[in-house]
Amino acid sequence: MEVVIALAIGVLTSAGVWLLLRPRTFQVLMGLSLLSYATNLFIFSVGSLSIDKEPIVQPGVPIDLVNYTDPMPQSLVLTAIVIGFATTALFLVLLLALRGLTGSDHVDGEEEPP
């Protein structure tokens, strides 16, 4: 399970960095989204990857992460998803306004010569 999560984080991060280096603003937006997904997955995996474990402390069971899933990373990821969605929506509006003003979606606002 840990290998699959590590591979997913690595692929999302590398694809996000590659897209951030592209010259179009939509590709930069997708790169930022992929990087935020990779970060969310990393934070989520820090809270211990447990299958069929109780997320809330119950009486009679020792209080440690061997028996329970830590709820703090889950709440942080949920908050980050909401904030990321709002930021992406704002960036899309700015992208459309920039394209309307300049007639291009190039990062510098200028097209490359053919």
PDB file of N, CA and C in Angstrom:
ATOM      1  N   MET A   1       0.821  -1.200   0.000  1.00  0.00           N
ATOM      2  CA  MET A   1       0.000   0.000   0.000  1.00  0.00           C
ATOM      3  C   MET A   1       0.861   1.259   0.000  1.00  0.00           C
ATOM      4  N   GLU A   2       1.940   1.229   0.805  1.00  0.00           N
ATOM      5  CA  GLU A   2       2.807   2.399   0.897  1.00  0.00           C
ATOM      6  C   GLU A   2       3.510   2.682  -0.423  1.00  0.00           C
ATOM      7  N   VAL A   3       3.870   1.611  -1.154  1.00  0.00           N
ATOM      8  CA  VAL A   3       4.556   1.785  -2.438  1.00  0.00           C
ATOM      9  C   VAL A   3       3.618   2.439  -3.450  1.00  0.00           C
ATOM     10  N   VAL A   4       2.364   2.045  -3.448  1.00  0.00           N
ATOM     11  CA  VAL A   4       1.394   2.621  -4.382  1.00  0.00           C
ATOM     12  C   VAL A   4       1.176   4.104  -4.078  1.00  0.00           C
ATOM     13  N   ILE A   5       1.056   4.445  -2.806  1.00  0.00           N
ATOM     14  CA  ILE A   5       0.873   5.850  -2.417  1.00  0.00           C
ATOM     15  C   ILE A   5       2.107   6.671  -2.780  1.00  0.00           C
ATOM     16  N   ALA A   6       3.296   6.120  -2.510  1.00  0.00           N
ATOM     17  CA  ALA A   6       4.533   6.839  -2.843  1.00  0.00           C
ATOM     18  C   ALA A   6       4.660   7.039  -4.348  1.00  0.00           C
ATOM     19  N   LEU A   7       4.311   6.032  -5.132  1.00  0.00           N
ATOM     20  CA  LEU A   7       4.344   6.163  -6.596  1.00  0.00           C
ATOM     21  C   LEU A   7       3.346   7.200  -7.086  1.00  0.00           C
ATOM     22  N   ALA A   8       2.153   7.195  -6.518  1.00  0.00           N
ATOM     23  CA  ALA A   8       1.136   8.175  -6.917  1.00  0.00           C
ATOM     24  C   ALA A   8       1.588   9.594  -6.594  1.00  0.00           C
ATOM     25  N   ILE A   9       2.171   9.782  -5.416  1.00  0.00           N
ATOM     26  CA  ILE A   9       2.661  11.106  -5.042  1.00  0.00           C
ATOM     27  C   ILE A   9       3.775  11.541  -5.983  1.00  0.00           C
ATOM     28  N   GLY A  10       4.688  10.625  -6.309  1.00  0.00           N
ATOM     29  CA  GLY A  10       5.784  10.952  -7.213  1.00  0.00           C
ATOM     30  C   GLY A  10       5.318  11.304  -8.605  1.00  0.00           C
ATOM     31  N   VAL A  11       4.366  10.544  -9.133  1.00  0.00           N
ATOM     32  CA  VAL A  11       3.850  10.814 -10.483  1.00  0.00           C
ATOM     33  C   VAL A  11       3.102  12.143 -10.519  1.00  0.00           C
ATOM     34  N   LEU A  12       2.270  12.399  -9.523  1.00  0.00           N
ATOM     35  CA  LEU A  12       1.539  13.664  -9.477  1.00  0.00           C
ATOM     36  C   LEU A  12       2.481  14.852  -9.347  1.00  0.00           C
ATOM     37  N   THR A  13       3.511  14.714  -8.528  1.00  0.00           N
ATOM     38  CA  THR A  13       4.462  15.804  -8.347  1.00  0.00           C
ATOM     39  C   THR A  13       5.252  16.065  -9.619  1.00  0.00           C
ATOM     40  N   SER A  14       5.745  15.012 -10.252  1.00  0.00           N
ATOM     41  CA  SER A  14       6.541  15.211 -11.472  1.00  0.00           C
ATOM     42  C   SER A  14       5.689  15.768 -12.609  1.00  0.00           C
ATOM     43  N   ALA A  15       4.472  15.291 -12.756  1.00  0.00           N
ATOM     44  CA  ALA A  15       3.592  15.834 -13.800  1.00  0.00           C
ATOM     45  C   ALA A  15       3.232  17.287 -13.498  1.00  0.00           C
ATOM     46  N   GLY A  16       3.021  17.607 -12.219  1.00  0.00           N
ATOM     47  CA  GLY A  16       2.709  18.981 -11.840  1.00  0.00           C
ATOM     48  C   GLY A  16       3.857  19.933 -12.106  1.00  0.00           C
ATOM     49  N   VAL A  17       5.086  19.516 -11.788  1.00  0.00           N
ATOM     50  CA  VAL A  17       6.247  20.371 -12.050  1.00  0.00           C
ATOM     51  C   VAL A  17       6.443  20.547 -13.550  1.00  0.00           C
ATOM     52  N   TRP A  18       6.264  19.468 -14.311  1.00  0.00           N
ATOM     53  CA  TRP A  18       6.410  19.559 -15.768  1.00  0.00           C
ATOM     54  C   TRP A  18       5.388  20.527 -16.352  1.00  0.00           C
ATOM     55  N   LEU A  19       4.157  20.461 -15.886  1.00  0.00           N
ATOM     56  CA  LEU A  19       3.129  21.368 -16.386  1.00  0.00           C
ATOM     57  C   LEU A  19       3.359  22.803 -15.931  1.00  0.00           C
ATOM     58  N   LEU A  20       3.945  22.998 -14.758  1.00  0.00           N
ATOM     59  CA  LEU A  20       4.249  24.361 -14.297  1.00  0.00           C
ATOM     60  C   LEU A  20       5.263  25.047 -15.206  1.00  0.00           C
ATOM     61  N   LEU A  21       6.108  24.287 -15.847  1.00  0.00           N
ATOM     62  CA  LEU A  21       7.148  24.852 -16.701  1.00  0.00           C
ATOM     63  C   LEU A  21       6.682  25.078 -18.138  1.00  0.00           C
ATOM     64  N   ARG A  22       5.438  24.806 -18.435  1.00  0.00           N
ATOM     65  CA  ARG A  22       4.900  24.988 -19.779  1.00  0.00           C
ATOM     66  C   ARG A  22       4.557  26.467 -20.013  1.00  0.00           C
ATOM     67  N   PRO A  23       4.486  26.899 -21.281  1.00  0.00           N
ATOM     68  CA  PRO A  23       4.283  28.331 -21.552  1.00  0.00           C
ATOM     69  C   PRO A  23       2.824  28.803 -21.538  1.00  0.00           C
ATOM     70  N   ARG A  24       1.875  27.919 -21.417  1.00  0.00           N
ATOM     71  CA  ARG A  24       0.461  28.309 -21.440  1.00  0.00           C
ATOM     72  C   ARG A  24      -0.103  28.384 -20.025  1.00  0.00           C
ATOM     73  N   THR A  25      -0.978  29.350 -19.809  1.00  0.00           N
ATOM     74  CA  THR A  25      -1.502  29.557 -18.458  1.00  0.00           C
ATOM     75  C   THR A  25      -2.412  28.414 -18.008  1.00  0.00           C
ATOM     76  N   PHE A  26      -3.147  27.795 -18.924  1.00  0.00           N
ATOM     77  CA  PHE A  26      -4.006  26.674 -18.530  1.00  0.00           C
ATOM     78  C   PHE A  26      -3.161  25.489 -18.071  1.00  0.00           C
ATOM     79  N   GLN A  27      -2.025  25.266 -18.732  1.00  0.00           N
ATOM     80  CA  GLN A  27      -1.134  24.185 -18.318  1.00  0.00           C
ATOM     81  C   GLN A  27      -0.524  24.477 -16.950  1.00  0.00           C
ATOM     82  N   VAL A  28      -0.218  25.744 -16.697  1.00  0.00           N
ATOM     83  CA  VAL A  28       0.288  26.133 -15.376  1.00  0.00           C
ATOM     84  C   VAL A  28      -0.784  25.882 -14.315  1.00  0.00           C
ATOM     85  N   LEU A  29      -2.031  26.191 -14.619  1.00  0.00           N
ATOM     86  CA  LEU A  29      -3.129  25.944 -13.681  1.00  0.00           C
ATOM     87  C   LEU A  29      -3.274  24.458 -13.389  1.00  0.00           C
ATOM     88  N   MET A  30      -3.186  23.622 -14.418  1.00  0.00           N
ATOM     89  CA  MET A  30      -3.275  22.179 -14.208  1.00  0.00           C
ATOM     90  C   MET A  30      -2.082  21.665 -13.398  1.00  0.00           C
ATOM     91  N   GLY A  31      -0.907  22.238 -13.620  1.00  0.00           N
ATOM     92  CA  GLY A  31       0.268  21.860 -12.841  1.00  0.00           C
ATOM     93  C   GLY A  31       0.109  22.199 -11.366  1.00  0.00           C
ATOM     94  N   LEU A  32      -0.436  23.380 -11.090  1.00  0.00           N
ATOM     95  CA  LEU A  32      -0.686  23.758  -9.696  1.00  0.00           C
ATOM     96  C   LEU A  32      -1.714  22.826  -9.052  1.00  0.00           C
ATOM     97  N   SER A  33      -2.713  22.439  -9.814  1.00  0.00           N
ATOM     98  CA  SER A  33      -3.723  21.515  -9.284  1.00  0.00           C
ATOM     99  C   SER A  33      -3.105  20.156  -8.970  1.00  0.00           C
ATOM    100  N   LEU A  34      -2.276  19.647  -9.881  1.00  0.00           N
ATOM    101  CA  LEU A  34      -1.648  18.353  -9.632  1.00  0.00           C
ATOM    102  C   LEU A  34      -0.698  18.410  -8.441  1.00  0.00           C
ATOM    103  N   LEU A  35       0.024  19.520  -8.297  1.00  0.00           N
ATOM    104  CA  LEU A  35       0.894  19.659  -7.130  1.00  0.00           C
ATOM    105  C   LEU A  35       0.089  19.714  -5.833  1.00  0.00           C
ATOM    106  N   SER A  36      -1.053  20.375  -5.863  1.00  0.00           N
ATOM    107  CA  SER A  36      -1.876  20.407  -4.648  1.00  0.00           C
ATOM    108  C   SER A  36      -2.452  19.025  -4.345  1.00  0.00           C
ATOM    109  N   TYR A  37      -2.811  18.262  -5.384  1.00  0.00           N
ATOM    110  CA  TYR A  37      -3.285  16.891  -5.151  1.00  0.00           C
ATOM    111  C   TYR A  37      -2.182  16.027  -4.552  1.00  0.00           C
ATOM    112  N   ALA A  38      -0.958  16.189  -5.050  1.00  0.00           N
ATOM    113  CA  ALA A  38       0.161  15.416  -4.510  1.00  0.00           C
ATOM    114  C   ALA A  38       0.415  15.784  -3.047  1.00  0.00           C
ATOM    115  N   THR A  39       0.347  17.069  -2.744  1.00  0.00           N
ATOM    116  CA  THR A  39       0.551  17.510  -1.368  1.00  0.00           C
ATOM    117  C   THR A  39      -0.554  16.979  -0.459  1.00  0.00           C
ATOM    118  N   ASN A  40      -1.782  17.022  -0.927  1.00  0.00           N
ATOM    119  CA  ASN A  40      -2.901  16.492  -0.138  1.00  0.00           C
ATOM    120  C   ASN A  40      -2.741  15.001   0.118  1.00  0.00           C
ATOM    121  N   LEU A  41      -2.321  14.263  -0.902  1.00  0.00           N
ATOM    122  CA  LEU A  41      -2.116  12.827  -0.744  1.00  0.00           C
ATOM    123  C   LEU A  41      -0.985  12.547   0.235  1.00  0.00           C
ATOM    124  N   PHE A  42       0.068  13.369   0.191  1.00  0.00           N
ATOM    125  CA  PHE A  42       1.172  13.206   1.134  1.00  0.00           C
ATOM    126  C   PHE A  42       0.715  13.482   2.570  1.00  0.00           C
ATOM    127  N   ILE A  43      -0.011  14.562   2.774  1.00  0.00           N
ATOM    128  CA  ILE A  43      -0.504  14.887   4.117  1.00  0.00           C
ATOM    129  C   ILE A  43      -1.450  13.791   4.612  1.00  0.00           C
ATOM    130  N   PHE A  44      -2.283  13.295   3.712  1.00  0.00           N
ATOM    131  CA  PHE A  44      -3.222  12.240   4.087  1.00  0.00           C
ATOM    132  C   PHE A  44      -2.474  10.963   4.484  1.00  0.00           C
ATOM    133  N   SER A  45      -1.393  10.661   3.782  1.00  0.00           N
ATOM    134  CA  SER A  45      -0.646   9.439   4.087  1.00  0.00           C
ATOM    135  C   SER A  45       0.162   9.564   5.374  1.00  0.00           C
ATOM    136  N   VAL A  46       0.452  10.786   5.812  1.00  0.00           N
ATOM    137  CA  VAL A  46       1.194  10.979   7.063  1.00  0.00           C
ATOM    138  C   VAL A  46       0.356  10.508   8.256  1.00  0.00           C
ATOM    139  N   GLY A  47      -0.944  10.565   8.154  1.00  0.00           N
ATOM    140  CA  GLY A  47      -1.827  10.198   9.252  1.00  0.00           C
ATOM    141  C   GLY A  47      -1.952   8.713   9.468  1.00  0.00           C
ATOM    142  N   SER A  48      -1.087   7.913   8.925  1.00  0.00           N
ATOM    143  CA  SER A  48      -1.011   6.454   8.989  1.00  0.00           C
ATOM    144  C   SER A  48      -2.053   5.823   8.079  1.00  0.00           C
ATOM    145  N   LEU A  49      -1.574   4.936   7.272  1.00  0.00           N
ATOM    146  CA  LEU A  49      -2.428   4.235   6.326  1.00  0.00           C
ATOM    147  C   LEU A  49      -2.953   2.976   6.991  1.00  0.00           C
ATOM    148  N   SER A  50      -4.142   3.048   7.539  1.00  0.00           N
ATOM    149  CA  SER A  50      -4.743   1.918   8.239  1.00  0.00           C
ATOM    150  C   SER A  50      -6.046   1.544   7.556  1.00  0.00           C
ATOM    151  N   ILE A  51      -6.232   0.268   7.340  1.00  0.00           N
ATOM    152  CA  ILE A  51      -7.469  -0.227   6.738  1.00  0.00           C
ATOM    153  C   ILE A  51      -8.277  -0.910   7.837  1.00  0.00           C
ATOM    154  N   ASP A  52      -9.557  -0.602   7.897  1.00  0.00           N
ATOM    155  CA  ASP A  52     -10.488  -1.172   8.880  1.00  0.00           C
ATOM    156  C   ASP A  52     -10.087  -0.861  10.323  1.00  0.00           C
ATOM    157  N   LYS A  53      -9.574   0.344  10.569  1.00  0.00           N
ATOM    158  CA  LYS A  53      -9.267   0.791  11.927  1.00  0.00           C
ATOM    159  C   LYS A  53     -10.263   1.870  12.320  1.00  0.00           C
ATOM    160  N   GLU A  54     -10.524   1.971  13.597  1.00  0.00           N
ATOM    161  CA  GLU A  54     -11.455   2.973  14.101  1.00  0.00           C
ATOM    162  C   GLU A  54     -10.820   4.357  14.059  1.00  0.00           C
ATOM    163  N   PRO A  55     -11.530   5.380  13.532  1.00  0.00           N
ATOM    164  CA  PRO A  55     -10.958   6.716  13.509  1.00  0.00           C
ATOM    165  C   PRO A  55     -11.132   7.483  14.817  1.00  0.00           C
ATOM    166  N   ILE A  56     -11.963   6.968  15.738  1.00  0.00           N
ATOM    167  CA  ILE A  56     -12.249   7.673  16.986  1.00  0.00           C
ATOM    168  C   ILE A  56     -11.834   6.766  18.148  1.00  0.00           C
ATOM    169  N   VAL A  57     -11.284   7.381  19.198  1.00  0.00           N
ATOM    170  CA  VAL A  57     -10.810   6.627  20.360  1.00  0.00           C
ATOM    171  C   VAL A  57     -11.991   5.962  21.069  1.00  0.00           C
ATOM    172  N   GLN A  58     -11.816   4.689  21.406  1.00  0.00           N
ATOM    173  CA  GLN A  58     -12.849   3.951  22.125  1.00  0.00           C
ATOM    174  C   GLN A  58     -12.303   3.493  23.476  1.00  0.00           C
ATOM    175  N   PRO A  59     -13.164   3.371  24.493  1.00  0.00           N
ATOM    176  CA  PRO A  59     -12.677   2.955  25.808  1.00  0.00           C
ATOM    177  C   PRO A  59     -12.163   1.513  25.792  1.00  0.00           C
ATOM    178  N   GLY A  60     -11.088   1.286  26.557  1.00  0.00           N
ATOM    179  CA  GLY A  60     -10.541  -0.061  26.677  1.00  0.00           C
ATOM    180  C   GLY A  60      -9.443  -0.376  25.681  1.00  0.00           C
ATOM    181  N   VAL A  61      -9.217   0.488  24.728  1.00  0.00           N
ATOM    182  CA  VAL A  61      -8.175   0.260  23.726  1.00  0.00           C
ATOM    183  C   VAL A  61      -7.085   1.298  23.946  1.00  0.00           C
ATOM    184  N   PRO A  62      -5.807   0.902  23.943  1.00  0.00           N
ATOM    185  CA  PRO A  62      -4.720   1.874  24.163  1.00  0.00           C
ATOM    186  C   PRO A  62      -4.763   3.004  23.132  1.00  0.00           C
ATOM    187  N   ILE A  63      -4.491   4.222  23.596  1.00  0.00           N
ATOM    188  CA  ILE A  63      -4.553   5.393  22.726  1.00  0.00           C
ATOM    189  C   ILE A  63      -3.199   5.590  22.057  1.00  0.00           C
ATOM    190  N   ASP A  64      -3.033   5.033  20.875  1.00  0.00           N
ATOM    191  CA  ASP A  64      -1.856   5.264  20.043  1.00  0.00           C
ATOM    192  C   ASP A  64      -2.240   5.013  18.585  1.00  0.00           C
ATOM    193  N   LEU A  65      -1.371   5.387  17.671  1.00  0.00           N
ATOM    194  CA  LEU A  65      -1.698   5.292  16.250  1.00  0.00           C
ATOM    195  C   LEU A  65      -1.646   3.872  15.710  1.00  0.00           C
ATOM    196  N   VAL A  66      -1.289   2.913  16.543  1.00  0.00           N
ATOM    197  CA  VAL A  66      -1.338   1.516  16.106  1.00  0.00           C
ATOM    198  C   VAL A  66      -2.792   1.069  15.984  1.00  0.00           C
ATOM    199  N   ASN A  67      -3.651   1.570  16.861  1.00  0.00           N
ATOM    200  CA  ASN A  67      -5.046   1.142  16.904  1.00  0.00           C
ATOM    201  C   ASN A  67      -6.006   2.107  16.219  1.00  0.00           C
ATOM    202  N   TYR A  68      -5.562   3.331  15.927  1.00  0.00           N
ATOM    203  CA  TYR A  68      -6.476   4.339  15.409  1.00  0.00           C
ATOM    204  C   TYR A  68      -5.863   5.093  14.236  1.00  0.00           C
ATOM    205  N   THR A  69      -6.703   5.699  13.462  1.00  0.00           N
ATOM    206  CA  THR A  69      -6.276   6.589  12.398  1.00  0.00           C
ATOM    207  C   THR A  69      -6.319   8.018  12.924  1.00  0.00           C
ATOM    208  N   ASP A  70      -5.257   8.777  12.648  1.00  0.00           N
ATOM    209  CA  ASP A  70      -5.185  10.160  13.116  1.00  0.00           C
ATOM    210  C   ASP A  70      -6.143  11.027  12.289  1.00  0.00           C
ATOM    211  N   PRO A  71      -7.130  11.690  12.900  1.00  0.00           N
ATOM    212  CA  PRO A  71      -8.096  12.478  12.132  1.00  0.00           C
ATOM    213  C   PRO A  71      -7.578  13.851  11.694  1.00  0.00           C
ATOM    214  N   MET A  72      -6.465  14.338  12.269  1.00  0.00           N
ATOM    215  CA  MET A  72      -5.974  15.672  11.934  1.00  0.00           C
ATOM    216  C   MET A  72      -5.548  15.800  10.464  1.00  0.00           C
ATOM    217  N   PRO A  73      -4.767  14.868   9.901  1.00  0.00           N
ATOM    218  CA  PRO A  73      -4.433  15.007   8.484  1.00  0.00           C
ATOM    219  C   PRO A  73      -5.660  14.956   7.576  1.00  0.00           C
ATOM    220  N   GLN A  74      -6.660  14.181   7.969  1.00  0.00           N
ATOM    221  CA  GLN A  74      -7.879  14.121   7.160  1.00  0.00           C
ATOM    222  C   GLN A  74      -8.587  15.462   7.143  1.00  0.00           C
ATOM    223  N   SER A  75      -8.646  16.123   8.283  1.00  0.00           N
ATOM    224  CA  SER A  75      -9.313  17.428   8.321  1.00  0.00           C
ATOM    225  C   SER A  75      -8.482  18.481   7.592  1.00  0.00           C
ATOM    226  N   LEU A  76      -7.159  18.394   7.665  1.00  0.00           N
ATOM    227  CA  LEU A  76      -6.309  19.329   6.932  1.00  0.00           C
ATOM    228  C   LEU A  76      -6.478  19.159   5.423  1.00  0.00           C
ATOM    229  N   VAL A  77      -6.552  17.918   4.971  1.00  0.00           N
ATOM    230  CA  VAL A  77      -6.725  17.662   3.541  1.00  0.00           C
ATOM    231  C   VAL A  77      -8.095  18.148   3.082  1.00  0.00           C
ATOM    232  N   LEU A  78      -9.121  17.939   3.871  1.00  0.00           N
ATOM    233  CA  LEU A  78     -10.450  18.414   3.500  1.00  0.00           C
ATOM    234  C   LEU A  78     -10.466  19.932   3.373  1.00  0.00           C
ATOM    235  N   THR A  79      -9.825  20.623   4.294  1.00  0.00           N
ATOM    236  CA  THR A  79      -9.727  22.080   4.212  1.00  0.00           C
ATOM    237  C   THR A  79      -8.922  22.508   2.994  1.00  0.00           C
ATOM    238  N   ALA A  80      -7.830  21.804   2.719  1.00  0.00           N
ATOM    239  CA  ALA A  80      -6.991  22.141   1.567  1.00  0.00           C
ATOM    240  C   ALA A  80      -7.733  21.920   0.249  1.00  0.00           C
ATOM    241  N   ILE A  81      -8.582  20.928   0.187  1.00  0.00           N
ATOM    242  CA  ILE A  81      -9.366  20.681  -1.031  1.00  0.00           C
ATOM    243  C   ILE A  81     -10.310  21.846  -1.288  1.00  0.00           C
ATOM    244  N   VAL A  82     -10.981  22.321  -0.257  1.00  0.00           N
ATOM    245  CA  VAL A  82     -11.909  23.443  -0.410  1.00  0.00           C
ATOM    246  C   VAL A  82     -11.165  24.709  -0.825  1.00  0.00           C
ATOM    247  N   ILE A  83     -10.053  24.988  -0.179  1.00  0.00           N
ATOM    248  CA  ILE A  83      -9.272  26.173  -0.519  1.00  0.00           C
ATOM    249  C   ILE A  83      -8.695  26.055  -1.924  1.00  0.00           C
ATOM    250  N   GLY A  84      -8.227  24.867  -2.290  1.00  0.00           N
ATOM    251  CA  GLY A  84      -7.691  24.649  -3.630  1.00  0.00           C
ATOM    252  C   GLY A  84      -8.747  24.827  -4.703  1.00  0.00           C
ATOM    253  N   PHE A  85      -9.966  24.382  -4.435  1.00  0.00           N
ATOM    254  CA  PHE A  85     -11.048  24.557  -5.399  1.00  0.00           C
ATOM    255  C   PHE A  85     -11.358  26.039  -5.607  1.00  0.00           C
ATOM    256  N   ALA A  86     -11.402  26.799  -4.523  1.00  0.00           N
ATOM    257  CA  ALA A  86     -11.675  28.234  -4.634  1.00  0.00           C
ATOM    258  C   ALA A  86     -10.542  28.955  -5.362  1.00  0.00           C
ATOM    259  N   THR A  87      -9.307  28.584  -5.077  1.00  0.00           N
ATOM    260  CA  THR A  87      -8.168  29.199  -5.747  1.00  0.00           C
ATOM    261  C   THR A  87      -8.159  28.872  -7.238  1.00  0.00           C
ATOM    262  N   THR A  88      -8.492  27.640  -7.588  1.00  0.00           N
ATOM    263  CA  THR A  88      -8.555  27.249  -8.997  1.00  0.00           C
ATOM    264  C   THR A  88      -9.651  28.014  -9.724  1.00  0.00           C
ATOM    265  N   ALA A  89     -10.792  28.189  -9.086  1.00  0.00           N
ATOM    266  CA  ALA A  89     -11.874  28.956  -9.710  1.00  0.00           C
ATOM    267  C   ALA A  89     -11.458  30.405  -9.930  1.00  0.00           C
ATOM    268  N   LEU A  90     -10.797  31.001  -8.954  1.00  0.00           N
ATOM    269  CA  LEU A  90     -10.314  32.375  -9.104  1.00  0.00           C
ATOM    270  C   LEU A  90      -9.276  32.473 -10.223  1.00  0.00           C
ATOM    271  N   PHE A  91      -8.368  31.512 -10.274  1.00  0.00           N
ATOM    272  CA  PHE A  91      -7.338  31.524 -11.313  1.00  0.00           C
ATOM    273  C   PHE A  91      -7.957  31.336 -12.698  1.00  0.00           C
ATOM    274  N   LEU A  92      -9.013  30.540 -12.811  1.00  0.00           N
ATOM    275  CA  LEU A  92      -9.694  30.379 -14.102  1.00  0.00           C
ATOM    276  C   LEU A  92     -10.335  31.680 -14.563  1.00  0.00           C
ATOM    277  N   VAL A  93     -10.930  32.415 -13.639  1.00  0.00           N
ATOM    278  CA  VAL A  93     -11.527  33.707 -13.993  1.00  0.00           C
ATOM    279  C   VAL A  93     -10.444  34.681 -14.452  1.00  0.00           C
ATOM    280  N   LEU A  94      -9.318  34.705 -13.745  1.00  0.00           N
ATOM    281  CA  LEU A  94      -8.210  35.559 -14.161  1.00  0.00           C
ATOM    282  C   LEU A  94      -7.652  35.125 -15.513  1.00  0.00           C
ATOM    283  N   LEU A  95      -7.598  33.836 -15.762  1.00  0.00           N
ATOM    284  CA  LEU A  95      -7.115  33.316 -17.036  1.00  0.00           C
ATOM    285  C   LEU A  95      -8.016  33.769 -18.182  1.00  0.00           C
ATOM    286  N   LEU A  96      -9.313  33.693 -17.978  1.00  0.00           N
ATOM    287  CA  LEU A  96     -10.251  34.128 -19.018  1.00  0.00           C
ATOM    288  C   LEU A  96     -10.159  35.636 -19.249  1.00  0.00           C
ATOM    289  N   ALA A  97     -10.003  36.413 -18.182  1.00  0.00           N
ATOM    290  CA  ALA A  97      -9.859  37.864 -18.329  1.00  0.00           C
ATOM    291  C   ALA A  97      -8.564  38.204 -19.061  1.00  0.00           C
ATOM    292  N   LEU A  98      -7.485  37.519 -18.736  1.00  0.00           N
ATOM    293  CA  LEU A  98      -6.209  37.756 -19.402  1.00  0.00           C
ATOM    294  C   LEU A  98      -6.284  37.404 -20.880  1.00  0.00           C
ATOM    295  N   ARG A  99      -6.946  36.299 -21.183  1.00  0.00           N
ATOM    296  CA  ARG A  99      -7.089  35.906 -22.589  1.00  0.00           C
ATOM    297  C   ARG A  99      -7.948  36.916 -23.344  1.00  0.00           C
ATOM    298  N   GLY A 100      -8.961  37.468 -22.689  1.00  0.00           N
ATOM    299  CA  GLY A 100      -9.792  38.475 -23.335  1.00  0.00           C
ATOM    300  C   GLY A 100      -9.048  39.781 -23.574  1.00  0.00           C
ATOM    301  N   LEU A 101      -8.177  40.154 -22.649  1.00  0.00           N
ATOM    302  CA  LEU A 101      -7.427  41.403 -22.792  1.00  0.00           C
ATOM    303  C   LEU A 101      -6.273  41.299 -23.788  1.00  0.00           C
ATOM    304  N   THR A 102      -5.544  40.188 -23.743  1.00  0.00           N
ATOM    305  CA  THR A 102      -4.353  40.071 -24.582  1.00  0.00           C
ATOM    306  C   THR A 102      -4.585  39.265 -25.848  1.00  0.00           C
ATOM    307  N   GLY A 103      -5.625  38.458 -25.883  1.00  0.00           N
ATOM    308  CA  GLY A 103      -5.877  37.600 -27.041  1.00  0.00           C
ATOM    309  C   GLY A 103      -4.969  36.385 -27.081  1.00  0.00           C
ATOM    310  N   SER A 104      -4.287  36.100 -25.978  1.00  0.00           N
ATOM    311  CA  SER A 104      -3.364  34.973 -25.918  1.00  0.00           C
ATOM    312  C   SER A 104      -3.430  34.355 -24.534  1.00  0.00           C
ATOM    313  N   ASP A 105      -3.099  33.070 -24.461  1.00  0.00           N
ATOM    314  CA  ASP A 105      -3.029  32.439 -23.143  1.00  0.00           C
ATOM    315  C   ASP A 105      -1.583  32.081 -22.793  1.00  0.00           C
ATOM    316  N   HIS A 106      -0.648  32.745 -23.451  1.00  0.00           N
ATOM    317  CA  HIS A 106       0.758  32.538 -23.146  1.00  0.00           C
ATOM    318  C   HIS A 106       1.082  33.198 -21.809  1.00  0.00           C
ATOM    319  N   VAL A 107       2.007  32.614 -21.063  1.00  0.00           N
ATOM    320  CA  VAL A 107       2.339  33.117 -19.729  1.00  0.00           C
ATOM    321  C   VAL A 107       2.831  34.562 -19.792  1.00  0.00           C
ATOM    322  N   ASP A 108       3.637  34.882 -20.794  1.00  0.00           N
ATOM    323  CA  ASP A 108       4.165  36.247 -20.930  1.00  0.00           C
ATOM    324  C   ASP A 108       3.203  37.189 -21.636  1.00  0.00           C
ATOM    325  N   GLY A 109       2.121  36.673 -22.175  1.00  0.00           N
ATOM    326  CA  GLY A 109       1.168  37.499 -22.900  1.00  0.00           C
ATOM    327  C   GLY A 109       1.532  37.692 -24.369  1.00  0.00           C
ATOM    328  N   GLU A 110       2.618  37.074 -24.796  1.00  0.00           N
ATOM    329  CA  GLU A 110       3.059  37.200 -26.189  1.00  0.00           C
ATOM    330  C   GLU A 110       3.239  35.814 -26.787  1.00  0.00           C
ATOM    331  N   GLU A 111       2.862  35.683 -28.043  1.00  0.00           N
ATOM    332  CA  GLU A 111       3.065  34.409 -28.736  1.00  0.00           C
ATOM    333  C   GLU A 111       4.494  34.331 -29.231  1.00  0.00           C
ATOM    334  N   GLU A 112       5.006  33.101 -29.325  1.00  0.00           N
ATOM    335  CA  GLU A 112       6.340  32.912 -29.881  1.00  0.00           C
ATOM    336  C   GLU A 112       6.303  33.089 -31.389  1.00  0.00           C
ATOM    337  N   PRO A 113       7.360  33.635 -31.974  1.00  0.00           N
ATOM    338  CA  PRO A 113       7.379  33.762 -33.433  1.00  0.00           C
ATOM    339  C   PRO A 113       7.446  32.405 -34.093  1.00  0.00           C
ATOM    340  N   PRO A 114       6.764  32.235 -35.242  1.00  0.00           N
ATOM    341  CA  PRO A 114       6.750  30.910 -35.894  1.00  0.00           C
ATOM    342  C   PRO A 114       8.068  30.517 -36.498  1.00  0.00           C
TER     343      PRO A 114
END
